[in-house]
């Protein structure tokens, strides 16, 4: 049930953002739609048989809740101070709030590169939905958007782990362990939304719930441009995992971001990586090893964490779909650095850690599920 609730929250956020984009700037319609979508996910079903020790499960549930509360305090302590919030995500949301509509003039005349008028609008429109419900623009309150995305992803992770391991203590531990990857430190920008949608999508498709996963993939592409690459990565990964029949079932992933792509083309909103002679830049960067030097120069968080996670891939080697999707997405990110029209060192410095964070959550979930499954199987064999 927790996975259904998490998916419902993620979809409800996307629907409310779309309603605001379509001109619904009234409080009660947004509240009613959100409540109905989430409440509709809680329906009477046969309880999932699960075992496990109660005290560890209670401890991990309590610890996760306490940390989420702490994250909420951190996220709402002050208005978001991320540069990208001030120049991009928050600026768009505030401009739309003032205009009570998508301000196409603002997007078309944006001269500052960091405003990124080509970025999809789910996150800024979600900020506007919060402002509509609040009745005023309160930048400090917008940090709660990060908290809701993190909580929804943890519900999905818990539900998936519980369905596979049938142990509440194990599922509670995995949700607790993934919390730092869901509760991203970048408040007010698109990373939290993208990680929630992308990770939940890959986990659902992995389990065979392709339609719901495809919807979440479409919402991931509506959160950040990287979501378009993730759709391609997921489709190719299905082929590698010998699930080619499921590729056509990803059609919602292509349909959901399509209106924005059409509008972006109609309003001539440029994408910086795709400007100019892309192939020429890629060949030039390939001849110059500077891009690879820069990738090695900047840290990706805690080295021991990544060493442990990469070592755990051995236990998750059966996860062809997720591992292939993550690997292809990484290749797409490296290709974007090769194609960048900006200074490579600058581009890597300010985006590399955030891009890698996109991949950490789904990788951590499948590694932990497989590690605990193997450990539980060995324990059962002993007894």
Protein backbone atom coordinates (compact mmCIF):
# COMPACT_ATOMS: atom_id res chain seq x y z
CA UNK A 1 0.00 0.00 0.00
CA UNK A 2 2.82 2.44 0.79
CA UNK A 3 4.08 2.25 -2.81
CA UNK A 4 0.60 3.10 -4.16
CA UNK A 5 0.35 6.10 -1.86
CA UNK A 6 3.81 7.32 -2.87
CA UNK A 7 3.01 6.96 -6.57
CA UNK A 8 -0.34 8.73 -6.05
CA UNK A 9 1.39 11.67 -4.35
CA UNK A 10 3.89 11.98 -7.18
CA UNK A 11 1.18 11.84 -9.84
CA UNK A 12 -1.05 14.24 -7.88
CA UNK A 13 1.75 16.81 -7.79
CA UNK A 14 2.14 16.50 -11.56
CA UNK A 15 -1.62 16.86 -12.13
CA UNK A 16 -1.85 19.95 -9.90
CA UNK A 17 1.13 21.54 -11.70
CA UNK A 18 -0.56 20.83 -15.04
CA UNK A 19 -3.83 22.37 -13.83
CA UNK A 20 -2.02 25.55 -12.82
CA UNK A 21 -0.31 25.62 -16.20
CA UNK A 22 -3.72 25.32 -17.86
CA UNK A 23 -5.05 28.29 -15.88
CA UNK A 24 -6.59 26.79 -12.73
CA UNK A 25 -5.43 29.36 -10.18
CA UNK A 26 -8.03 28.60 -7.51
CA UNK A 27 -7.31 26.95 -4.21
CA UNK A 28 -10.08 24.40 -3.76
CA UNK A 29 -9.88 22.65 -7.15
CA UNK A 30 -6.19 21.93 -6.53
CA UNK A 31 -6.82 20.68 -2.99
CA UNK A 32 -9.73 18.49 -4.08
CA UNK A 33 -7.80 16.96 -6.99
CA UNK A 34 -4.79 16.24 -4.81
CA UNK A 35 -6.82 14.69 -2.00
CA UNK A 36 -8.94 12.58 -4.37
CA UNK A 37 -5.91 11.19 -6.19
CA UNK A 38 -4.09 10.28 -2.98
CA UNK A 39 -7.22 8.97 -1.23
CA UNK A 40 -8.05 6.88 -4.29
CA UNK A 41 -4.77 5.01 -3.88
CA UNK A 42 -5.79 3.81 -0.41
CA UNK A 43 -8.29 1.09 -1.13
CA UNK A 44 -9.09 -2.13 0.65
CA UNK A 45 -6.81 -4.94 -0.47
CA UNK A 46 -5.64 -8.20 1.04
CA UNK A 47 -2.82 -7.47 3.50
CA UNK A 48 0.65 -8.32 2.28
CA UNK A 49 2.07 -11.22 4.30
CA UNK A 50 5.19 -9.98 6.03
CA UNK A 51 7.41 -11.15 8.86
CA UNK A 52 10.39 -9.60 10.59
CA UNK A 53 11.29 -8.26 13.99
CA UNK A 54 8.93 -5.53 15.20
CA UNK A 55 11.36 -3.51 17.31
CA UNK A 56 13.93 -2.91 14.53
CA UNK A 57 11.11 -2.00 12.16
CA UNK A 58 9.65 0.47 14.65
CA UNK A 59 13.10 1.94 15.25
CA UNK A 60 13.76 2.50 11.54
CA UNK A 61 10.27 3.93 10.97
CA UNK A 62 10.75 6.34 13.88
CA UNK A 63 14.26 7.30 12.79
CA UNK A 64 13.07 7.96 9.23
CA UNK A 65 10.22 10.14 10.49
CA UNK A 66 12.53 12.10 12.79
CA UNK A 67 15.01 12.70 9.97
CA UNK A 68 12.23 13.77 7.61
CA UNK A 69 11.05 16.28 10.20
CA UNK A 70 14.62 17.53 10.50
CA UNK A 71 14.81 17.79 6.71
CA UNK A 72 11.58 19.80 6.70
CA UNK A 73 13.06 22.21 9.26
CA UNK A 74 16.20 22.55 7.14
CA UNK A 75 14.24 23.03 3.91
CA UNK A 76 11.98 25.75 5.36
CA UNK A 77 14.48 27.49 7.64
CA UNK A 78 14.82 30.32 5.12
CA UNK A 79 13.92 31.02 1.49
CA UNK A 80 15.92 28.78 -0.86
CA UNK A 81 19.34 30.27 -1.47
CA UNK A 82 20.45 28.02 -4.34
CA UNK A 83 21.65 30.16 -7.24
CA UNK A 84 19.57 28.10 -9.67
CA UNK A 85 16.45 28.79 -7.60
CA UNK A 86 17.08 32.53 -7.72
CA UNK A 87 17.93 32.60 -11.44
CA UNK A 88 15.74 29.80 -12.79
CA UNK A 89 13.22 27.67 -10.89
CA UNK A 90 12.09 30.27 -8.36
CA UNK A 91 12.32 33.14 -10.82
CA UNK A 92 9.98 31.36 -13.23
CA UNK A 93 7.55 30.42 -10.48
CA UNK A 94 7.43 33.99 -9.19
CA UNK A 95 7.01 35.42 -12.71
CA UNK A 96 4.12 33.03 -13.38
CA UNK A 97 2.57 33.85 -10.00
CA UNK A 98 2.65 37.56 -10.75
CA UNK A 99 1.14 36.99 -14.21
CA UNK A 100 -1.28 34.29 -12.97
CA UNK A 101 -0.29 32.31 -16.06
CA UNK A 102 2.77 30.94 -17.81
CA UNK A 103 4.59 34.14 -18.69
CA UNK A 104 5.79 33.41 -22.20
CA UNK A 105 7.19 36.92 -22.60
CA UNK A 106 9.42 36.31 -19.59
CA UNK A 107 10.65 33.03 -21.09
CA UNK A 108 11.12 34.42 -24.60
CA UNK A 109 13.04 37.50 -23.48
CA UNK A 110 15.21 35.83 -20.85
CA UNK A 111 18.73 36.98 -21.69
CA UNK A 112 20.52 35.43 -18.72
CA UNK A 113 21.81 31.97 -19.58
CA UNK A 114 21.13 30.51 -16.13
CA UNK A 115 17.39 31.20 -16.47
CA UNK A 116 17.17 28.24 -18.85
CA UNK A 117 13.85 29.10 -20.56
CA UNK A 118 13.89 25.66 -22.23
CA UNK A 119 13.66 23.73 -18.94
CA UNK A 120 10.31 21.96 -18.36
CA UNK A 121 7.93 23.69 -15.98
CA UNK A 122 6.64 21.05 -13.56
CA UNK A 123 8.69 22.34 -10.61
CA UNK A 124 7.98 26.10 -11.07
CA UNK A 125 4.28 25.32 -11.57
CA UNK A 126 4.34 23.19 -8.41
CA UNK A 127 5.70 26.23 -6.57
CA UNK A 128 2.76 28.19 -7.98
CA UNK A 129 0.32 25.49 -6.85
CA UNK A 130 1.72 25.85 -3.32
CA UNK A 131 1.32 29.61 -3.56
CA UNK A 132 -2.28 29.24 -4.79
CA UNK A 133 -3.16 27.01 -1.83
CA UNK A 134 -1.27 29.30 0.55
CA UNK A 135 -2.88 32.40 -0.93
CA UNK A 136 0.47 34.17 -1.25
CA UNK A 137 3.98 33.66 -2.55
CA UNK A 138 6.09 32.47 0.39
CA UNK A 139 9.53 31.40 -0.82
CA UNK A 140 10.42 29.87 2.54
CA UNK A 141 7.44 27.51 2.38
CA UNK A 142 8.51 26.25 -1.03
CA UNK A 143 11.13 24.08 0.63
CA UNK A 144 8.30 21.74 1.65
CA UNK A 145 8.10 20.67 -2.01
CA UNK A 146 11.45 18.93 -1.54
CA UNK A 147 10.16 17.22 1.60
CA UNK A 148 7.02 15.91 -0.09
CA UNK A 149 9.00 14.51 -3.01
CA UNK A 150 11.41 12.79 -0.62
CA UNK A 151 8.60 11.33 1.49
CA UNK A 152 6.75 10.06 -1.58
CA UNK A 153 9.89 8.35 -2.90
CA UNK A 154 10.52 6.68 0.47
CA UNK A 155 6.97 5.32 0.43
CA UNK A 156 7.59 3.80 -2.99
CA UNK A 157 10.95 2.35 -1.90
CA UNK A 158 9.40 0.87 1.25
CA UNK A 159 6.53 -0.67 -0.69
CA UNK A 160 8.80 -2.23 -3.30
CA UNK A 161 11.18 -3.62 -0.67
CA UNK A 162 8.32 -5.01 1.40
CA UNK A 163 6.73 -6.69 -1.62
CA UNK A 164 10.01 -8.43 -2.50
CA UNK A 165 11.49 -9.27 0.90
CA UNK A 166 8.27 -9.81 2.88
CA UNK A 167 9.96 -8.41 5.99
CA UNK A 168 8.94 -5.11 7.54
CA UNK A 169 12.24 -4.63 9.33
CA UNK A 170 14.16 -5.03 6.08
CA UNK A 171 11.83 -2.70 4.17
CA UNK A 172 12.01 -0.12 6.96
CA UNK A 173 15.81 -0.31 6.95
CA UNK A 174 16.05 0.19 3.18
CA UNK A 175 13.75 3.22 3.31
CA UNK A 176 15.84 4.63 6.16
CA UNK A 177 19.09 3.99 4.27
CA UNK A 178 17.82 5.68 1.10
CA UNK A 179 16.56 8.78 2.92
CA UNK A 180 19.79 10.80 2.46
CA UNK A 181 19.58 10.17 -1.28
CA UNK A 182 15.93 11.24 -1.49
CA UNK A 183 16.28 14.25 0.83
CA UNK A 184 18.65 16.15 -1.44
CA UNK A 185 20.48 19.21 -0.08
CA UNK A 186 19.61 21.33 -3.13
CA UNK A 187 16.44 23.09 -1.99
CA UNK A 188 14.18 24.81 -4.49
CA UNK A 189 15.52 23.33 -7.73
CA UNK A 190 14.59 20.34 -9.87
CA UNK A 191 16.85 17.64 -8.41
CA UNK A 192 14.46 16.45 -5.70
CA UNK A 193 11.59 16.08 -8.15
CA UNK A 194 13.69 14.34 -10.79
CA UNK A 195 15.22 11.86 -8.35
CA UNK A 196 11.79 11.02 -6.94
CA UNK A 197 10.12 10.54 -10.32
CA UNK A 198 13.06 8.82 -12.00
CA UNK A 199 13.84 6.41 -9.16
CA UNK A 200 10.20 5.47 -8.59
CA UNK A 201 9.73 4.95 -12.34
CA UNK A 202 12.68 2.58 -12.66
CA UNK A 203 11.61 0.60 -9.58
CA UNK A 204 8.06 0.16 -10.85
CA UNK A 205 9.08 -0.80 -14.39
CA UNK A 206 11.58 -3.24 -12.90
CA UNK A 207 8.72 -4.99 -11.08
CA UNK A 208 6.51 -5.11 -14.17
CA UNK A 209 4.25 -2.12 -13.42
CA UNK A 210 5.20 -0.53 -16.72
CA UNK A 211 2.22 1.80 -17.16
CA UNK A 212 2.62 3.54 -13.79
CA UNK A 213 6.37 3.65 -14.30
CA UNK A 214 5.91 5.20 -17.73
CA UNK A 215 3.70 7.94 -16.28
CA UNK A 216 6.38 8.72 -13.72
CA UNK A 217 9.02 8.72 -16.47
CA UNK A 218 6.94 11.30 -18.30
CA UNK A 219 6.76 13.42 -15.16
CA UNK A 220 10.52 13.06 -14.71
CA UNK A 221 10.93 14.47 -18.22
CA UNK A 222 8.55 17.27 -17.19
CA UNK A 223 10.84 18.08 -14.26
CA UNK A 224 14.23 18.23 -15.97
CA UNK A 225 15.52 17.79 -19.52
CA UNK A 226 17.53 14.82 -18.29
CA UNK A 227 14.21 12.97 -18.07
CA UNK A 228 14.08 12.72 -21.86
CA UNK A 229 17.37 10.84 -21.80
CA UNK A 230 16.03 8.61 -19.01
CA UNK A 231 13.07 7.61 -21.19
CA UNK A 232 15.46 6.47 -23.93
CA UNK A 233 17.68 4.73 -21.36
CA UNK A 234 14.70 2.87 -19.90
CA UNK A 235 13.47 1.77 -23.33
CA UNK A 236 16.91 0.45 -24.32
CA UNK A 237 17.32 -1.20 -20.93
CA UNK A 238 14.06 -3.10 -21.46
CA UNK A 239 15.47 -4.49 -24.70
CA UNK A 240 18.71 -5.52 -22.98
CA UNK A 241 16.67 -7.16 -20.20
CA UNK A 242 14.77 -9.16 -22.85
CA UNK A 243 11.55 -7.27 -22.21
CA UNK A 244 11.24 -5.65 -25.63
CA UNK A 245 7.47 -6.16 -25.60
CA UNK A 246 7.23 -3.65 -22.75
CA UNK A 247 8.86 -0.86 -24.76
CA UNK A 248 5.59 0.09 -26.47
CA UNK A 249 3.92 0.26 -23.07
CA UNK A 250 6.15 3.23 -22.28
CA UNK A 251 3.99 5.42 -24.54
CA UNK A 252 2.79 7.68 -21.64
CA UNK A 253 6.42 8.62 -21.03
CA UNK A 254 6.58 10.10 -24.53
CA UNK A 255 3.09 11.66 -24.50
CA UNK A 256 3.33 13.54 -21.17
CA UNK A 257 6.30 15.81 -22.00
CA UNK A 258 5.25 16.22 -25.65
CA UNK A 259 3.07 19.36 -25.16
CA UNK A 260 5.98 21.17 -23.53
CA UNK A 261 8.35 20.15 -26.32
CA UNK A 262 5.88 21.51 -28.89
CA UNK A 263 5.40 24.76 -26.96
CA UNK A 264 9.15 25.12 -26.50
CA UNK A 265 9.59 24.79 -30.27
CA UNK A 266 6.73 27.22 -31.01
CA UNK A 267 8.18 29.87 -28.70
CA UNK A 268 11.75 29.27 -29.94
CA UNK A 269 13.20 28.61 -26.50
CA UNK A 270 16.82 27.55 -27.06
CA UNK A 271 18.58 24.61 -25.41
CA UNK A 272 22.20 25.57 -24.84
CA UNK A 273 23.72 22.07 -25.20
CA UNK A 274 21.95 21.62 -28.55
CA UNK A 275 23.00 24.96 -30.03
CA UNK A 276 25.63 25.27 -32.73
CA UNK A 277 27.60 22.39 -34.20
CA UNK A 278 27.16 19.71 -31.55
CA UNK A 279 29.15 16.98 -33.32
CA UNK A 280 32.09 19.30 -33.91
CA UNK A 281 32.22 20.22 -30.23
CA UNK A 282 32.04 16.57 -29.20
CA UNK A 283 34.96 15.62 -31.48
CA UNK A 284 36.98 18.58 -30.21
CA UNK A 285 36.42 17.55 -26.60
CA UNK A 286 37.25 13.94 -27.37
CA UNK A 287 40.62 15.03 -28.76
CA UNK A 288 41.21 17.07 -25.58
CA UNK A 289 41.29 14.99 -22.38
CA UNK A 290 40.43 18.05 -20.26
CA UNK A 291 36.81 16.93 -19.84
CA UNK A 292 37.90 13.64 -18.30
CA UNK A 293 40.43 15.41 -16.08
CA UNK A 294 37.68 17.66 -14.78
CA UNK A 295 35.39 14.71 -14.09
CA UNK A 296 38.09 13.15 -11.93
CA UNK A 297 38.87 16.42 -10.15
CA UNK A 298 35.53 17.12 -8.52
CA UNK A 299 34.24 14.89 -5.69
CA UNK A 300 31.00 12.95 -5.84
CA UNK A 301 30.18 13.11 -2.14
CA UNK A 302 31.61 10.47 0.16
CA UNK A 303 34.18 8.21 -1.58
CA UNK A 304 33.55 5.31 0.81
CA UNK A 305 29.83 5.46 0.04
CA UNK A 306 30.48 5.12 -3.68
CA UNK A 307 33.05 2.37 -3.19
CA UNK A 308 30.56 0.41 -1.09
CA UNK A 309 27.76 1.00 -3.57
CA UNK A 310 29.86 -0.06 -6.55
CA UNK A 311 31.03 -3.15 -4.67
CA UNK A 312 27.40 -4.00 -3.99
CA UNK A 313 26.66 -4.02 -7.72
CA UNK A 314 28.07 -7.55 -7.77
CA UNK A 315 25.18 -8.71 -5.61
CA UNK A 316 22.73 -6.87 -7.88
CA UNK A 317 24.20 -8.19 -11.13
CA UNK A 318 20.87 -9.86 -11.95
CA UNK A 319 19.25 -6.41 -12.15
CA UNK A 320 19.83 -6.02 -15.88
CA UNK A 321 17.09 -3.45 -16.41
CA UNK A 322 18.01 -0.99 -13.65
CA UNK A 323 21.78 -1.36 -14.05
CA UNK A 324 21.56 -0.89 -17.82
CA UNK A 325 19.28 2.14 -17.49
CA UNK A 326 21.65 3.73 -14.96
CA UNK A 327 24.68 2.97 -17.13
CA UNK A 328 23.09 4.44 -20.24
CA UNK A 329 21.97 7.54 -18.35
CA UNK A 330 25.54 8.03 -17.16
CA UNK A 331 26.75 7.79 -20.76
CA UNK A 332 24.17 10.41 -21.79
CA UNK A 333 25.47 12.73 -19.07
CA UNK A 334 29.05 12.26 -20.26
CA UNK A 335 27.91 12.97 -23.83
CA UNK A 336 26.31 16.22 -22.64
CA UNK A 337 29.66 17.32 -21.21
CA UNK A 338 31.31 16.53 -24.53
CA UNK A 339 28.66 18.60 -26.33
CA UNK A 340 28.60 21.55 -23.93
CA UNK A 341 29.20 24.98 -25.50
CA UNK A 342 30.40 26.24 -22.10
CA UNK A 343 33.73 25.91 -20.37
CA UNK A 344 34.05 22.23 -19.48
CA UNK A 345 35.62 22.84 -16.07
CA UNK A 346 32.84 25.25 -15.12
CA UNK A 347 30.10 22.92 -16.37
CA UNK A 348 31.48 19.88 -14.56
CA UNK A 349 32.13 21.76 -11.34
CA UNK A 350 28.57 22.98 -10.94
CA UNK A 351 26.61 19.98 -12.18
CA UNK A 352 28.58 16.72 -11.89
CA UNK A 353 27.68 15.92 -8.28
CA UNK A 354 23.98 16.66 -8.87
CA UNK A 355 23.84 14.51 -12.00
CA UNK A 356 25.46 11.57 -10.26
CA UNK A 357 22.95 11.96 -7.42
CA UNK A 358 20.23 11.13 -9.97
CA UNK A 359 21.70 7.64 -10.28
CA UNK A 360 22.55 6.92 -6.65
CA UNK A 361 19.03 6.31 -5.32
CA UNK A 362 17.86 3.59 -7.77
CA UNK A 363 21.26 1.92 -7.61
CA UNK A 364 21.23 1.91 -3.80
CA UNK A 365 17.72 0.43 -3.66
CA UNK A 366 18.44 -2.53 -5.94
CA UNK A 367 21.80 -3.19 -4.26
CA UNK A 368 20.22 -3.20 -0.78
CA UNK A 369 17.29 -5.38 -1.84
CA UNK A 370 19.61 -7.97 -3.37
CA UNK A 371 22.06 -7.87 -0.47
CA UNK A 372 19.32 -8.42 2.09
CA UNK A 373 17.64 -11.08 -0.03
CA UNK A 374 20.89 -13.04 -0.26
CA UNK A 375 21.52 -12.63 3.46
CA UNK A 376 18.00 -13.81 4.34
CA UNK A 377 18.28 -16.77 1.97
CA UNK A 378 21.56 -17.83 3.55
CA UNK A 379 20.05 -17.52 7.01
CA UNK A 380 17.09 -19.69 6.03
CA UNK A 381 19.47 -22.26 4.57
CA UNK A 382 21.38 -22.44 7.85
CA UNK A 383 18.23 -23.00 9.88
